[in-house]
Amino acid sequence: MKVLILAFVIAITSSIALGWYTQKIRSGAPMVEGANRFLASLTPEKRAKASFGFNDEERLNWHFVPRARKGLPLKEMSQAERDLAKALLKTGLQQKAFLKADAIIGLELVLREIEKGSGPVRDPELYYVSIFGEPTLKGSWGWRVEGHHLALNFTVVNGTMIATAPSFFGSNPALVKEGPKKGLRILAAEEDLARGLVESLDEKQRATAIFDKAAPPDIISSNKVKADPLTPKGIAAGSMTAAQKKKLESLITEYLARMPADVAGERLGKLRSAGWDQIHFGWAGPIGVGEPHYYRVQGPTFLIEYDNTQNNANHIHSVWRDFDGDFGRDLLKEHYRATPHSR
């Protein structure tokens, strides 16, 4: 009986540490199916290019700039393989976020036309799919879709998705000003919801929320493997009115849409249960449309960063980071510590 009780306590402890609620979080199973269907469609040579060990250092080698990457690029896939890669991506994003990701890839053609060869290679086929480990319902594995301005990382353990970060979306241009896509603003909500929040603050609140007159040149967390908590800046949600808190929730929910619906719902439920008071919203730079600006939303466990300063404030970088959950690293440590035979 003591052994059974001890086993039960260990299981519960592990579950709490990991935030696992398997009756709610079911996204891991579709990911397993999607990854296996994608891998099964590939030739041995392509499969070798797309596959890495779960503990391979490449899993943590992420970035959002145009650069040489490992993995299998869209350029080397047949249409059927691309369709399966796209189906896998849909398991990791809600529909609105998937459409944003697809549009971000399409912006490479806009940049190609704007720059006319003067900048880096702009190619919508240079987006890469990588699978880390064996996609099964038991054990640990992960996957990534990455290219310029898009970096999506997922970790699955025993059929449960435990990590969706780092999750980066960028847009250059933020507003397409010429050509067939004129007027397109892929990350409009990320900008407008935050500006609407800072504009709703009264003079005293705004003086607290705007922590710097000048925006930093980029997101501060950059592409670090581990995002450490930044010094809380701006106004705490506890100092906001109910209407302002609702605006803050709408902004956070926009970023949560970069996660599967069940994960987003569970995360939002936790934030509501814990209360919003410890979440800070900070803004840097002017608040006028078209001017260089930055904001961040930071809670005890997560960080949202957004920056629009480059290319005359028409170039957005935005990211969601989890302090204890990026790549599932700290969560996996807790899991292995509680269940040492689960490797």
C-alpha atoms as a PDB file:
ATOM      1  CA  MET A   1       0.000   0.000   0.000  1.00  0.00           C
ATOM      2  CA  LYS A   2       2.840   2.426   0.852  1.00  0.00           C
ATOM      3  CA  VAL A   3       4.426   1.705  -2.506  1.00  0.00           C
ATOM      4  CA  LEU A   4       1.162   2.449  -4.279  1.00  0.00           C
ATOM      5  CA  ILE A   5       0.703   5.683  -2.351  1.00  0.00           C
ATOM      6  CA  LEU A   6       4.283   6.732  -3.116  1.00  0.00           C
ATOM      7  CA  ALA A   7       3.797   6.001  -6.809  1.00  0.00           C
ATOM      8  CA  PHE A   8       0.587   8.024  -6.789  1.00  0.00           C
ATOM      9  CA  VAL A   9       2.287  10.978  -5.097  1.00  0.00           C
ATOM     10  CA  ILE A  10       5.168  10.888  -7.605  1.00  0.00           C
ATOM     11  CA  ALA A  11       2.739  10.805 -10.506  1.00  0.00           C
ATOM     12  CA  ILE A  12       0.746  13.725  -9.145  1.00  0.00           C
ATOM     13  CA  THR A  13       3.927  15.703  -8.384  1.00  0.00           C
ATOM     14  CA  SER A  14       5.188  15.144 -11.918  1.00  0.00           C
ATOM     15  CA  SER A  15       1.832  16.121 -13.359  1.00  0.00           C
ATOM     16  CA  ILE A  16       1.719  19.370 -11.423  1.00  0.00           C
ATOM     17  CA  ALA A  17       5.316  20.239 -12.292  1.00  0.00           C
ATOM     18  CA  LEU A  18       4.665  19.711 -15.958  1.00  0.00           C
ATOM     19  CA  GLY A  19       1.207  21.285 -16.045  1.00  0.00           C
ATOM     20  CA  TRP A  20      -0.060  18.056 -17.666  1.00  0.00           C
ATOM     21  CA  TYR A  21      -3.811  17.693 -17.851  1.00  0.00           C
ATOM     22  CA  THR A  22      -4.091  14.916 -20.411  1.00  0.00           C
ATOM     23  CA  GLN A  23      -7.856  14.877 -20.306  1.00  0.00           C
ATOM     24  CA  LYS A  24      -7.719  18.425 -21.675  1.00  0.00           C
ATOM     25  CA  ILE A  25      -4.461  18.545 -23.628  1.00  0.00           C
ATOM     26  CA  ARG A  26      -4.800  16.158 -26.555  1.00  0.00           C
ATOM     27  CA  SER A  27      -2.734  17.991 -29.158  1.00  0.00           C
ATOM     28  CA  GLY A  28       0.161  15.539 -28.900  1.00  0.00           C
ATOM     29  CA  ALA A  29      -1.668  12.672 -30.613  1.00  0.00           C
ATOM     30  CA  PRO A  30      -2.489  14.604 -33.821  1.00  0.00           C
ATOM     31  CA  MET A  31       1.122  15.757 -33.907  1.00  0.00           C
ATOM     32  CA  VAL A  32       2.359  12.168 -33.670  1.00  0.00           C
ATOM     33  CA  GLU A  33       0.077  11.165 -36.526  1.00  0.00           C
ATOM     34  CA  GLY A  34       0.973  14.203 -38.630  1.00  0.00           C
ATOM     35  CA  ALA A  35       4.710  13.795 -38.164  1.00  0.00           C
ATOM     36  CA  ASN A  36       4.625  10.096 -39.000  1.00  0.00           C
ATOM     37  CA  ARG A  37       2.547  10.649 -42.127  1.00  0.00           C
ATOM     38  CA  PHE A  38       4.990  13.323 -43.252  1.00  0.00           C
ATOM     39  CA  LEU A  39       8.055  11.169 -42.575  1.00  0.00           C
ATOM     40  CA  ALA A  40       6.502   8.127 -44.248  1.00  0.00           C
ATOM     41  CA  SER A  41       5.995  10.129 -47.448  1.00  0.00           C
ATOM     42  CA  LEU A  42       9.692  10.950 -47.783  1.00  0.00           C
ATOM     43  CA  THR A  43      12.426   9.090 -49.592  1.00  0.00           C
ATOM     44  CA  PRO A  44      15.175   7.729 -47.309  1.00  0.00           C
ATOM     45  CA  GLU A  45      17.438  10.622 -48.330  1.00  0.00           C
ATOM     46  CA  LYS A  46      14.841  13.278 -47.550  1.00  0.00           C
ATOM     47  CA  ARG A  47      13.851  11.557 -44.322  1.00  0.00           C
ATOM     48  CA  ALA A  48      17.486  11.560 -43.190  1.00  0.00           C
ATOM     49  CA  LYS A  49      17.669  15.286 -43.886  1.00  0.00           C
ATOM     50  CA  ALA A  50      14.517  16.010 -41.880  1.00  0.00           C
ATOM     51  CA  SER A  51      15.383  13.760 -38.913  1.00  0.00           C
ATOM     52  CA  PHE A  52      17.533  14.463 -35.861  1.00  0.00           C
ATOM     53  CA  GLY A  53      17.961  12.873 -32.453  1.00  0.00           C
ATOM     54  CA  PHE A  54      15.827  14.357 -29.717  1.00  0.00           C
ATOM     55  CA  ASN A  55      18.928  15.436 -27.794  1.00  0.00           C
ATOM     56  CA  ASP A  56      20.711  16.758 -30.881  1.00  0.00           C
ATOM     57  CA  GLU A  57      21.988  20.292 -30.253  1.00  0.00           C
ATOM     58  CA  GLU A  58      20.235  21.357 -33.452  1.00  0.00           C
ATOM     59  CA  ARG A  59      16.905  21.251 -31.582  1.00  0.00           C
ATOM     60  CA  LEU A  60      17.956  24.348 -29.646  1.00  0.00           C
ATOM     61  CA  ASN A  61      19.581  26.085 -32.627  1.00  0.00           C
ATOM     62  CA  TRP A  62      16.753  28.436 -33.524  1.00  0.00           C
ATOM     63  CA  HIS A  63      16.607  31.852 -35.150  1.00  0.00           C
ATOM     64  CA  PHE A  64      14.261  34.103 -37.086  1.00  0.00           C
ATOM     65  CA  VAL A  65      16.646  35.769 -39.545  1.00  0.00           C
ATOM     66  CA  PRO A  66      17.425  34.635 -43.098  1.00  0.00           C
ATOM     67  CA  ARG A  67      20.340  32.194 -42.774  1.00  0.00           C
ATOM     68  CA  ALA A  68      21.482  28.692 -43.729  1.00  0.00           C
ATOM     69  CA  ARG A  69      19.409  26.087 -41.893  1.00  0.00           C
ATOM     70  CA  LYS A  70      19.279  22.349 -41.358  1.00  0.00           C
ATOM     71  CA  GLY A  71      16.179  20.269 -41.918  1.00  0.00           C
ATOM     72  CA  LEU A  72      14.168  19.567 -45.061  1.00  0.00           C
ATOM     73  CA  PRO A  73      13.179  22.722 -46.968  1.00  0.00           C
ATOM     74  CA  LEU A  74       9.951  23.152 -48.888  1.00  0.00           C
ATOM     75  CA  LYS A  75      12.121  23.623 -51.972  1.00  0.00           C
ATOM     76  CA  GLU A  76      13.085  19.935 -51.894  1.00  0.00           C
ATOM     77  CA  MET A  77       9.573  18.597 -51.255  1.00  0.00           C
ATOM     78  CA  SER A  78       7.045  17.356 -53.768  1.00  0.00           C
ATOM     79  CA  GLN A  79       3.579  18.897 -53.650  1.00  0.00           C
ATOM     80  CA  ALA A  80       2.252  15.875 -51.758  1.00  0.00           C
ATOM     81  CA  GLU A  81       5.065  16.184 -49.213  1.00  0.00           C
ATOM     82  CA  ARG A  82       4.385  19.897 -48.829  1.00  0.00           C
ATOM     83  CA  ASP A  83       0.724  19.180 -48.188  1.00  0.00           C
ATOM     84  CA  LEU A  84       1.668  16.777 -45.393  1.00  0.00           C
ATOM     85  CA  ALA A  85       4.122  19.297 -43.944  1.00  0.00           C
ATOM     86  CA  LYS A  86       1.329  21.863 -43.969  1.00  0.00           C
ATOM     87  CA  ALA A  87      -1.017  19.370 -42.280  1.00  0.00           C
ATOM     88  CA  LEU A  88       1.575  18.859 -39.546  1.00  0.00           C
ATOM     89  CA  LEU A  89       1.892  22.624 -39.060  1.00  0.00           C
ATOM     90  CA  LYS A  90      -1.882  22.861 -38.628  1.00  0.00           C
ATOM     91  CA  THR A  91      -1.678  20.528 -35.603  1.00  0.00           C
ATOM     92  CA  GLY A  92       0.477  23.123 -33.811  1.00  0.00           C
ATOM     93  CA  LEU A  93      -1.488  26.298 -34.560  1.00  0.00           C
ATOM     94  CA  GLN A  94      -5.029  27.545 -34.437  1.00  0.00           C
ATOM     95  CA  GLN A  95      -6.469  28.420 -37.836  1.00  0.00           C
ATOM     96  CA  LYS A  96      -5.905  32.182 -37.532  1.00  0.00           C
ATOM     97  CA  ALA A  97      -2.267  31.620 -36.568  1.00  0.00           C
ATOM     98  CA  PHE A  98      -1.793  29.118 -39.385  1.00  0.00           C
ATOM     99  CA  LEU A  99      -3.054  31.705 -41.867  1.00  0.00           C
ATOM    100  CA  LYS A 100      -0.608  34.241 -40.425  1.00  0.00           C
ATOM    101  CA  ALA A 101       2.263  31.775 -40.755  1.00  0.00           C
ATOM    102  CA  ASP A 102       1.319  31.039 -44.355  1.00  0.00           C
ATOM    103  CA  ALA A 103       1.117  34.768 -45.114  1.00  0.00           C
ATOM    104  CA  ILE A 104       4.522  35.401 -43.497  1.00  0.00           C
ATOM    105  CA  ILE A 105       6.041  32.845 -45.857  1.00  0.00           C
ATOM    106  CA  GLY A 106       4.337  34.596 -48.769  1.00  0.00           C
ATOM    107  CA  LEU A 107       5.891  37.936 -47.790  1.00  0.00           C
ATOM    108  CA  GLU A 108       9.214  36.663 -49.087  1.00  0.00           C
ATOM    109  CA  LEU A 109       7.918  37.393 -52.597  1.00  0.00           C
ATOM    110  CA  VAL A 110       6.978  40.931 -51.561  1.00  0.00           C
ATOM    111  CA  LEU A 111      10.461  41.488 -50.109  1.00  0.00           C
ATOM    112  CA  ARG A 112      12.036  40.078 -53.258  1.00  0.00           C
ATOM    113  CA  GLU A 113      10.205  42.667 -55.313  1.00  0.00           C
ATOM    114  CA  ILE A 114      11.006  45.535 -52.920  1.00  0.00           C
ATOM    115  CA  GLU A 115      14.710  44.736 -52.611  1.00  0.00           C
ATOM    116  CA  LYS A 116      15.292  43.558 -56.200  1.00  0.00           C
ATOM    117  CA  GLY A 117      18.259  41.431 -55.164  1.00  0.00           C
ATOM    118  CA  SER A 118      19.894  44.038 -52.897  1.00  0.00           C
ATOM    119  CA  GLY A 119      19.302  42.098 -49.678  1.00  0.00           C
ATOM    120  CA  PRO A 120      19.469  38.461 -48.542  1.00  0.00           C
ATOM    121  CA  VAL A 121      17.936  35.711 -50.648  1.00  0.00           C
ATOM    122  CA  ARG A 122      14.155  35.965 -50.334  1.00  0.00           C
ATOM    123  CA  ASP A 123      12.552  32.626 -51.097  1.00  0.00           C
ATOM    124  CA  PRO A 124       9.217  31.273 -49.786  1.00  0.00           C
ATOM    125  CA  GLU A 125      10.573  27.756 -50.326  1.00  0.00           C
ATOM    126  CA  LEU A 126      13.376  28.221 -47.783  1.00  0.00           C
ATOM    127  CA  TYR A 127      11.262  27.133 -44.822  1.00  0.00           C
ATOM    128  CA  TYR A 128      12.393  23.959 -43.133  1.00  0.00           C
ATOM    129  CA  VAL A 129      10.723  21.082 -41.312  1.00  0.00           C
ATOM    130  CA  SER A 130      12.741  19.200 -38.692  1.00  0.00           C
ATOM    131  CA  ILE A 131      11.708  16.212 -36.555  1.00  0.00           C
ATOM    132  CA  PHE A 132      13.661  15.532 -33.371  1.00  0.00           C
ATOM    133  CA  GLY A 133      13.389  11.977 -32.085  1.00  0.00           C
ATOM    134  CA  GLU A 134      10.784   9.374 -32.994  1.00  0.00           C
ATOM    135  CA  PRO A 135       7.168  10.593 -33.041  1.00  0.00           C
ATOM    136  CA  THR A 136       5.397   8.127 -30.764  1.00  0.00           C
ATOM    137  CA  LEU A 137       2.848   8.221 -27.962  1.00  0.00           C
ATOM    138  CA  LYS A 138       5.568   7.125 -25.539  1.00  0.00           C
ATOM    139  CA  GLY A 139       8.833   8.911 -24.952  1.00  0.00           C
ATOM    140  CA  SER A 140      10.033  12.380 -25.896  1.00  0.00           C
ATOM    141  CA  TRP A 141      10.230  13.983 -29.319  1.00  0.00           C
ATOM    142  CA  GLY A 142       9.866  17.399 -30.893  1.00  0.00           C
ATOM    143  CA  TRP A 143       9.482  19.216 -34.175  1.00  0.00           C
ATOM    144  CA  ARG A 144      10.121  22.587 -35.716  1.00  0.00           C
ATOM    145  CA  VAL A 145       9.054  24.676 -38.682  1.00  0.00           C
ATOM    146  CA  GLU A 146      11.440  27.544 -39.297  1.00  0.00           C
ATOM    147  CA  GLY A 147      12.545  30.139 -41.814  1.00  0.00           C
ATOM    148  CA  HIS A 148      12.789  33.901 -42.096  1.00  0.00           C
ATOM    149  CA  HIS A 149      10.425  35.511 -39.575  1.00  0.00           C
ATOM    150  CA  LEU A 150       8.866  32.201 -38.562  1.00  0.00           C
ATOM    151  CA  ALA A 151      10.180  29.896 -35.827  1.00  0.00           C
ATOM    152  CA  LEU A 152       7.774  27.396 -34.270  1.00  0.00           C
ATOM    153  CA  ASN A 153       9.023  24.813 -31.785  1.00  0.00           C
ATOM    154  CA  PHE A 154       7.042  21.983 -30.180  1.00  0.00           C
ATOM    155  CA  THR A 155       7.907  19.291 -27.635  1.00  0.00           C
ATOM    156  CA  VAL A 156       5.799  16.169 -26.986  1.00  0.00           C
ATOM    157  CA  VAL A 157       6.220  13.693 -24.135  1.00  0.00           C
ATOM    158  CA  ASN A 158       4.203  10.486 -23.811  1.00  0.00           C
ATOM    159  CA  GLY A 159       1.627  11.773 -26.282  1.00  0.00           C
ATOM    160  CA  THR A 160       1.148  15.089 -24.464  1.00  0.00           C
ATOM    161  CA  MET A 161       2.416  18.342 -25.910  1.00  0.00           C
ATOM    162  CA  ILE A 162       4.303  20.097 -23.121  1.00  0.00           C
ATOM    163  CA  ALA A 163       5.969  22.989 -24.944  1.00  0.00           C
ATOM    164  CA  THR A 164       5.055  25.373 -27.780  1.00  0.00           C
ATOM    165  CA  ALA A 165       7.886  27.854 -27.385  1.00  0.00           C
ATOM    166  CA  PRO A 166       9.878  29.688 -28.542  1.00  0.00           C
ATOM    167  CA  SER A 167       7.153  30.843 -30.911  1.00  0.00           C
ATOM    168  CA  PHE A 168       8.211  33.686 -33.203  1.00  0.00           C
ATOM    169  CA  PHE A 169       6.208  35.545 -35.857  1.00  0.00           C
ATOM    170  CA  GLY A 170       7.643  38.467 -37.825  1.00  0.00           C
ATOM    171  CA  SER A 171       6.439  40.653 -40.669  1.00  0.00           C
ATOM    172  CA  ASN A 172       8.498  42.707 -43.104  1.00  0.00           C
ATOM    173  CA  PRO A 173       6.894  44.834 -44.286  1.00  0.00           C
ATOM    174  CA  ALA A 174       4.444  45.204 -41.438  1.00  0.00           C
ATOM    175  CA  LEU A 175       2.246  47.120 -43.866  1.00  0.00           C
ATOM    176  CA  VAL A 176       2.552  46.311 -47.548  1.00  0.00           C
ATOM    177  CA  LYS A 177       2.442  49.696 -49.288  1.00  0.00           C
ATOM    178  CA  GLU A 178       2.654  48.741 -52.954  1.00  0.00           C
ATOM    179  CA  GLY A 179       1.773  45.948 -55.337  1.00  0.00           C
ATOM    180  CA  PRO A 180      -0.972  43.283 -55.425  1.00  0.00           C
ATOM    181  CA  LYS A 181      -0.874  42.836 -51.641  1.00  0.00           C
ATOM    182  CA  LYS A 182      -1.073  46.550 -50.852  1.00  0.00           C
ATOM    183  CA  GLY A 183      -2.718  47.143 -47.477  1.00  0.00           C
ATOM    184  CA  LEU A 184      -1.827  43.712 -46.052  1.00  0.00           C
ATOM    185  CA  ARG A 185      -0.994  43.782 -42.323  1.00  0.00           C
ATOM    186  CA  ILE A 186      -0.340  40.233 -41.175  1.00  0.00           C
ATOM    187  CA  LEU A 187       0.306  41.142 -37.535  1.00  0.00           C
ATOM    188  CA  ALA A 188      -2.250  43.939 -37.331  1.00  0.00           C
ATOM    189  CA  ALA A 189      -3.937  42.570 -34.203  1.00  0.00           C
ATOM    190  CA  GLU A 190      -0.649  42.301 -32.307  1.00  0.00           C
ATOM    191  CA  GLU A 191      -0.030  45.985 -32.973  1.00  0.00           C
ATOM    192  CA  ASP A 192      -3.547  47.404 -32.699  1.00  0.00           C
ATOM    193  CA  LEU A 193      -4.598  45.602 -29.525  1.00  0.00           C
ATOM    194  CA  ALA A 194      -1.489  46.779 -27.672  1.00  0.00           C
ATOM    195  CA  ARG A 195      -1.845  50.354 -28.920  1.00  0.00           C
ATOM    196  CA  GLY A 196      -5.511  50.304 -27.937  1.00  0.00           C
ATOM    197  CA  LEU A 197      -4.500  49.268 -24.428  1.00  0.00           C
ATOM    198  CA  VAL A 198      -1.880  51.977 -23.957  1.00  0.00           C
ATOM    199  CA  GLU A 199      -4.248  54.592 -25.392  1.00  0.00           C
ATOM    200  CA  SER A 200      -6.918  53.561 -22.860  1.00  0.00           C
ATOM    201  CA  LEU A 201      -4.645  54.393 -19.921  1.00  0.00           C
ATOM    202  CA  ASP A 202      -5.098  57.681 -18.120  1.00  0.00           C
ATOM    203  CA  GLU A 203      -2.201  60.115 -17.778  1.00  0.00           C
ATOM    204  CA  LYS A 204      -0.899  58.648 -14.526  1.00  0.00           C
ATOM    205  CA  GLN A 205      -1.184  55.065 -15.741  1.00  0.00           C
ATOM    206  CA  ARG A 206       0.483  55.916 -19.029  1.00  0.00           C
ATOM    207  CA  ALA A 207       3.406  57.519 -17.227  1.00  0.00           C
ATOM    208  CA  THR A 208       3.983  54.154 -15.533  1.00  0.00           C
ATOM    209  CA  ALA A 209       3.333  51.989 -18.571  1.00  0.00           C
ATOM    210  CA  ILE A 210       5.673  53.856 -20.949  1.00  0.00           C
ATOM    211  CA  PHE A 211       9.045  52.989 -19.438  1.00  0.00           C
ATOM    212  CA  ASP A 212      11.254  54.507 -22.150  1.00  0.00           C
ATOM    213  CA  LYS A 213      10.781  57.299 -24.689  1.00  0.00           C
ATOM    214  CA  ALA A 214      12.774  55.318 -27.259  1.00  0.00           C
ATOM    215  CA  ALA A 215      12.064  51.746 -28.364  1.00  0.00           C
ATOM    216  CA  PRO A 216      14.919  49.216 -28.358  1.00  0.00           C
ATOM    217  CA  PRO A 217      16.168  48.177 -31.824  1.00  0.00           C
ATOM    218  CA  ASP A 218      14.850  44.621 -31.461  1.00  0.00           C
ATOM    219  CA  ILE A 219      13.271  42.181 -29.028  1.00  0.00           C
ATOM    220  CA  ILE A 220      15.516  41.907 -25.986  1.00  0.00           C
ATOM    221  CA  SER A 221      15.285  38.123 -25.582  1.00  0.00           C
ATOM    222  CA  SER A 222      16.608  37.722 -29.150  1.00  0.00           C
ATOM    223  CA  ASN A 223      17.193  34.057 -30.093  1.00  0.00           C
ATOM    224  CA  LYS A 224      18.593  32.973 -26.725  1.00  0.00           C
ATOM    225  CA  VAL A 225      18.039  29.306 -25.927  1.00  0.00           C
ATOM    226  CA  LYS A 226      16.692  30.211 -22.495  1.00  0.00           C
ATOM    227  CA  ALA A 227      14.700  33.376 -21.965  1.00  0.00           C
ATOM    228  CA  ASP A 228      15.384  34.726 -18.499  1.00  0.00           C
ATOM    229  CA  PRO A 229      12.774  36.958 -16.888  1.00  0.00           C
ATOM    230  CA  LEU A 230      13.378  40.606 -17.668  1.00  0.00           C
ATOM    231  CA  THR A 231      13.062  43.294 -15.048  1.00  0.00           C
ATOM    232  CA  PRO A 232       9.308  43.934 -14.843  1.00  0.00           C
ATOM    233  CA  LYS A 233       8.566  47.205 -16.612  1.00  0.00           C
ATOM    234  CA  GLY A 234       5.411  49.158 -17.137  1.00  0.00           C
ATOM    235  CA  ILE A 235       2.086  48.938 -15.370  1.00  0.00           C
ATOM    236  CA  ALA A 236       0.838  45.942 -13.403  1.00  0.00           C
ATOM    237  CA  ALA A 237      -2.559  44.607 -14.362  1.00  0.00           C
ATOM    238  CA  GLY A 238      -3.558  45.115 -10.734  1.00  0.00           C
ATOM    239  CA  SER A 239      -3.446  48.857 -11.418  1.00  0.00           C
ATOM    240  CA  MET A 240      -5.759  48.622 -14.426  1.00  0.00           C
ATOM    241  CA  THR A 241      -9.505  49.049 -14.627  1.00  0.00           C
ATOM    242  CA  ALA A 242     -11.700  46.082 -15.499  1.00  0.00           C
ATOM    243  CA  ALA A 243     -12.032  47.345 -19.074  1.00  0.00           C
ATOM    244  CA  GLN A 244      -8.271  47.715 -19.398  1.00  0.00           C
ATOM    245  CA  LYS A 245      -7.713  44.216 -18.039  1.00  0.00           C
ATOM    246  CA  LYS A 246     -10.093  42.965 -20.711  1.00  0.00           C
ATOM    247  CA  LYS A 247      -7.943  44.661 -23.355  1.00  0.00           C
ATOM    248  CA  LEU A 248      -4.863  43.032 -21.868  1.00  0.00           C
ATOM    249  CA  GLU A 249      -6.594  39.633 -21.980  1.00  0.00           C
ATOM    250  CA  SER A 250      -7.483  40.175 -25.638  1.00  0.00           C
ATOM    251  CA  LEU A 251      -3.835  40.928 -26.420  1.00  0.00           C
ATOM    252  CA  ILE A 252      -2.590  37.838 -24.589  1.00  0.00           C
ATOM    253  CA  THR A 253      -5.271  35.709 -26.253  1.00  0.00           C
ATOM    254  CA  GLU A 254      -3.990  36.838 -29.670  1.00  0.00           C
ATOM    255  CA  TYR A 255      -0.611  35.323 -28.803  1.00  0.00           C
ATOM    256  CA  LEU A 256      -2.197  32.231 -27.266  1.00  0.00           C
ATOM    257  CA  ALA A 257      -3.717  31.540 -30.685  1.00  0.00           C
ATOM    258  CA  ARG A 258      -0.212  30.503 -31.704  1.00  0.00           C
ATOM    259  CA  MET A 259      -0.868  27.382 -29.661  1.00  0.00           C
ATOM    260  CA  PRO A 260      -3.391  24.602 -30.305  1.00  0.00           C
ATOM    261  CA  ALA A 261      -6.851  25.487 -29.012  1.00  0.00           C
ATOM    262  CA  ASP A 262      -6.796  23.038 -26.104  1.00  0.00           C
ATOM    263  CA  VAL A 263      -3.408  24.283 -24.913  1.00  0.00           C
ATOM    264  CA  ALA A 264      -4.431  27.925 -25.302  1.00  0.00           C
ATOM    265  CA  GLY A 265      -7.642  27.329 -23.352  1.00  0.00           C
ATOM    266  CA  GLU A 266      -5.786  25.600 -20.554  1.00  0.00           C
ATOM    267  CA  ARG A 267      -3.166  28.353 -20.372  1.00  0.00           C
ATOM    268  CA  LEU A 268      -5.792  31.105 -20.347  1.00  0.00           C
ATOM    269  CA  GLY A 269      -7.716  29.285 -17.621  1.00  0.00           C
ATOM    270  CA  LYS A 270      -4.589  29.149 -15.474  1.00  0.00           C
ATOM    271  CA  LEU A 271      -3.924  32.856 -15.982  1.00  0.00           C
ATOM    272  CA  ARG A 272      -7.478  33.699 -14.992  1.00  0.00           C
ATOM    273  CA  SER A 273      -7.327  31.457 -11.930  1.00  0.00           C
ATOM    274  CA  ALA A 274      -4.026  32.920 -10.777  1.00  0.00           C
ATOM    275  CA  GLY A 275      -5.293  36.438 -11.353  1.00  0.00           C
ATOM    276  CA  TRP A 276      -3.918  39.104 -13.642  1.00  0.00           C
ATOM    277  CA  ASP A 277      -2.427  41.371 -11.001  1.00  0.00           C
ATOM    278  CA  GLN A 278       1.185  40.174 -11.384  1.00  0.00           C
ATOM    279  CA  ILE A 279       1.218  40.565 -15.171  1.00  0.00           C
ATOM    280  CA  HIS A 280       2.972  43.720 -16.399  1.00  0.00           C
ATOM    281  CA  PHE A 281       2.415  45.609 -19.634  1.00  0.00           C
ATOM    282  CA  GLY A 282       5.197  47.942 -20.703  1.00  0.00           C
ATOM    283  CA  TRP A 283       5.546  50.178 -23.746  1.00  0.00           C
ATOM    284  CA  ALA A 284       8.609  51.995 -25.137  1.00  0.00           C
ATOM    285  CA  GLY A 285       8.631  54.704 -27.782  1.00  0.00           C
ATOM    286  CA  PRO A 286       5.878  56.969 -29.126  1.00  0.00           C
ATOM    287  CA  ILE A 287       2.333  55.624 -29.394  1.00  0.00           C
ATOM    288  CA  GLY A 288       1.509  57.186 -32.741  1.00  0.00           C
ATOM    289  CA  VAL A 289       0.853  54.936 -35.728  1.00  0.00           C
ATOM    290  CA  GLY A 290       3.933  54.575 -37.903  1.00  0.00           C
ATOM    291  CA  GLU A 291       6.418  55.535 -35.189  1.00  0.00           C
ATOM    292  CA  PRO A 292       9.065  53.151 -33.761  1.00  0.00           C
ATOM    293  CA  HIS A 293       7.600  51.306 -30.796  1.00  0.00           C
ATOM    294  CA  TYR A 294       8.052  48.263 -28.558  1.00  0.00           C
ATOM    295  CA  TYR A 295       6.021  46.521 -25.910  1.00  0.00           C
ATOM    296  CA  ARG A 296       6.207  43.522 -23.672  1.00  0.00           C
ATOM    297  CA  VAL A 297       3.791  41.578 -21.525  1.00  0.00           C
ATOM    298  CA  GLN A 298       5.441  39.664 -18.713  1.00  0.00           C
ATOM    299  CA  GLY A 299       3.926  37.324 -16.167  1.00  0.00           C
ATOM    300  CA  PRO A 300       5.541  35.027 -13.597  1.00  0.00           C
ATOM    301  CA  THR A 301       5.912  32.242 -16.198  1.00  0.00           C
ATOM    302  CA  PHE A 302       5.898  33.840 -19.649  1.00  0.00           C
ATOM    303  CA  LEU A 303       7.115  36.731 -21.754  1.00  0.00           C
ATOM    304  CA  ILE A 304       5.631  38.353 -24.848  1.00  0.00           C
ATOM    305  CA  GLU A 305       7.867  40.747 -26.762  1.00  0.00           C
ATOM    306  CA  TYR A 306       7.013  42.876 -29.781  1.00  0.00           C
ATOM    307  CA  ASP A 307       9.197  45.357 -31.610  1.00  0.00           C
ATOM    308  CA  ASN A 308       8.492  47.524 -34.658  1.00  0.00           C
ATOM    309  CA  THR A 309      11.446  49.839 -35.226  1.00  0.00           C
ATOM    310  CA  GLN A 310      13.366  48.632 -38.274  1.00  0.00           C
ATOM    311  CA  ASN A 311      12.747  49.780 -41.859  1.00  0.00           C
ATOM    312  CA  ASN A 312      11.204  53.049 -40.683  1.00  0.00           C
ATOM    313  CA  ALA A 313       8.961  51.265 -38.180  1.00  0.00           C
ATOM    314  CA  ASN A 314       7.530  48.908 -40.786  1.00  0.00           C
ATOM    315  CA  HIS A 315       9.149  45.649 -39.672  1.00  0.00           C
ATOM    316  CA  ILE A 316       7.692  43.624 -36.785  1.00  0.00           C
ATOM    317  CA  HIS A 317       9.304  41.005 -34.576  1.00  0.00           C
ATOM    318  CA  SER A 318       7.083  39.260 -31.998  1.00  0.00           C
ATOM    319  CA  VAL A 319       7.659  36.264 -29.767  1.00  0.00           C
ATOM    320  CA  TRP A 320       6.188  34.176 -26.946  1.00  0.00           C
ATOM    321  CA  ARG A 321       8.690  32.680 -24.487  1.00  0.00           C
ATOM    322  CA  ASP A 322       8.101  30.421 -21.462  1.00  0.00           C
ATOM    323  CA  PHE A 323      10.572  30.842 -18.624  1.00  0.00           C
ATOM    324  CA  ASP A 324      10.345  27.191 -17.563  1.00  0.00           C
ATOM    325  CA  GLY A 325       9.037  25.666 -20.756  1.00  0.00           C
ATOM    326  CA  ASP A 326      11.006  26.768 -23.837  1.00  0.00           C
ATOM    327  CA  PHE A 327      11.837  23.564 -25.731  1.00  0.00           C
ATOM    328  CA  GLY A 328      10.365  21.741 -22.717  1.00  0.00           C
ATOM    329  CA  ARG A 329      13.814  21.777 -21.123  1.00  0.00           C
ATOM    330  CA  ASP A 330      12.977  22.533 -17.486  1.00  0.00           C
ATOM    331  CA  LEU A 331       9.699  20.607 -17.673  1.00  0.00           C
ATOM    332  CA  LEU A 332      11.555  17.540 -18.926  1.00  0.00           C
ATOM    333  CA  LYS A 333      14.017  17.806 -16.055  1.00  0.00           C
ATOM    334  CA  GLU A 334      11.127  17.771 -13.584  1.00  0.00           C
ATOM    335  CA  HIS A 335       9.567  14.810 -15.369  1.00  0.00           C
ATOM    336  CA  TYR A 336      12.778  12.787 -15.410  1.00  0.00           C
ATOM    337  CA  ARG A 337      13.459  13.637 -11.780  1.00  0.00           C
ATOM    338  CA  ALA A 338      10.018  12.395 -10.753  1.00  0.00           C
ATOM    339  CA  THR A 339       9.955   9.370 -13.104  1.00  0.00           C
ATOM    340  CA  PRO A 340      13.578   8.295 -13.632  1.00  0.00           C
ATOM    341  CA  HIS A 341      12.711   5.309 -15.855  1.00  0.00           C
ATOM    342  CA  SER A 342      10.701   7.332 -18.386  1.00  0.00           C
ATOM    343  CA  ARG A 343      13.630   8.156 -20.658  1.00  0.00           C
END
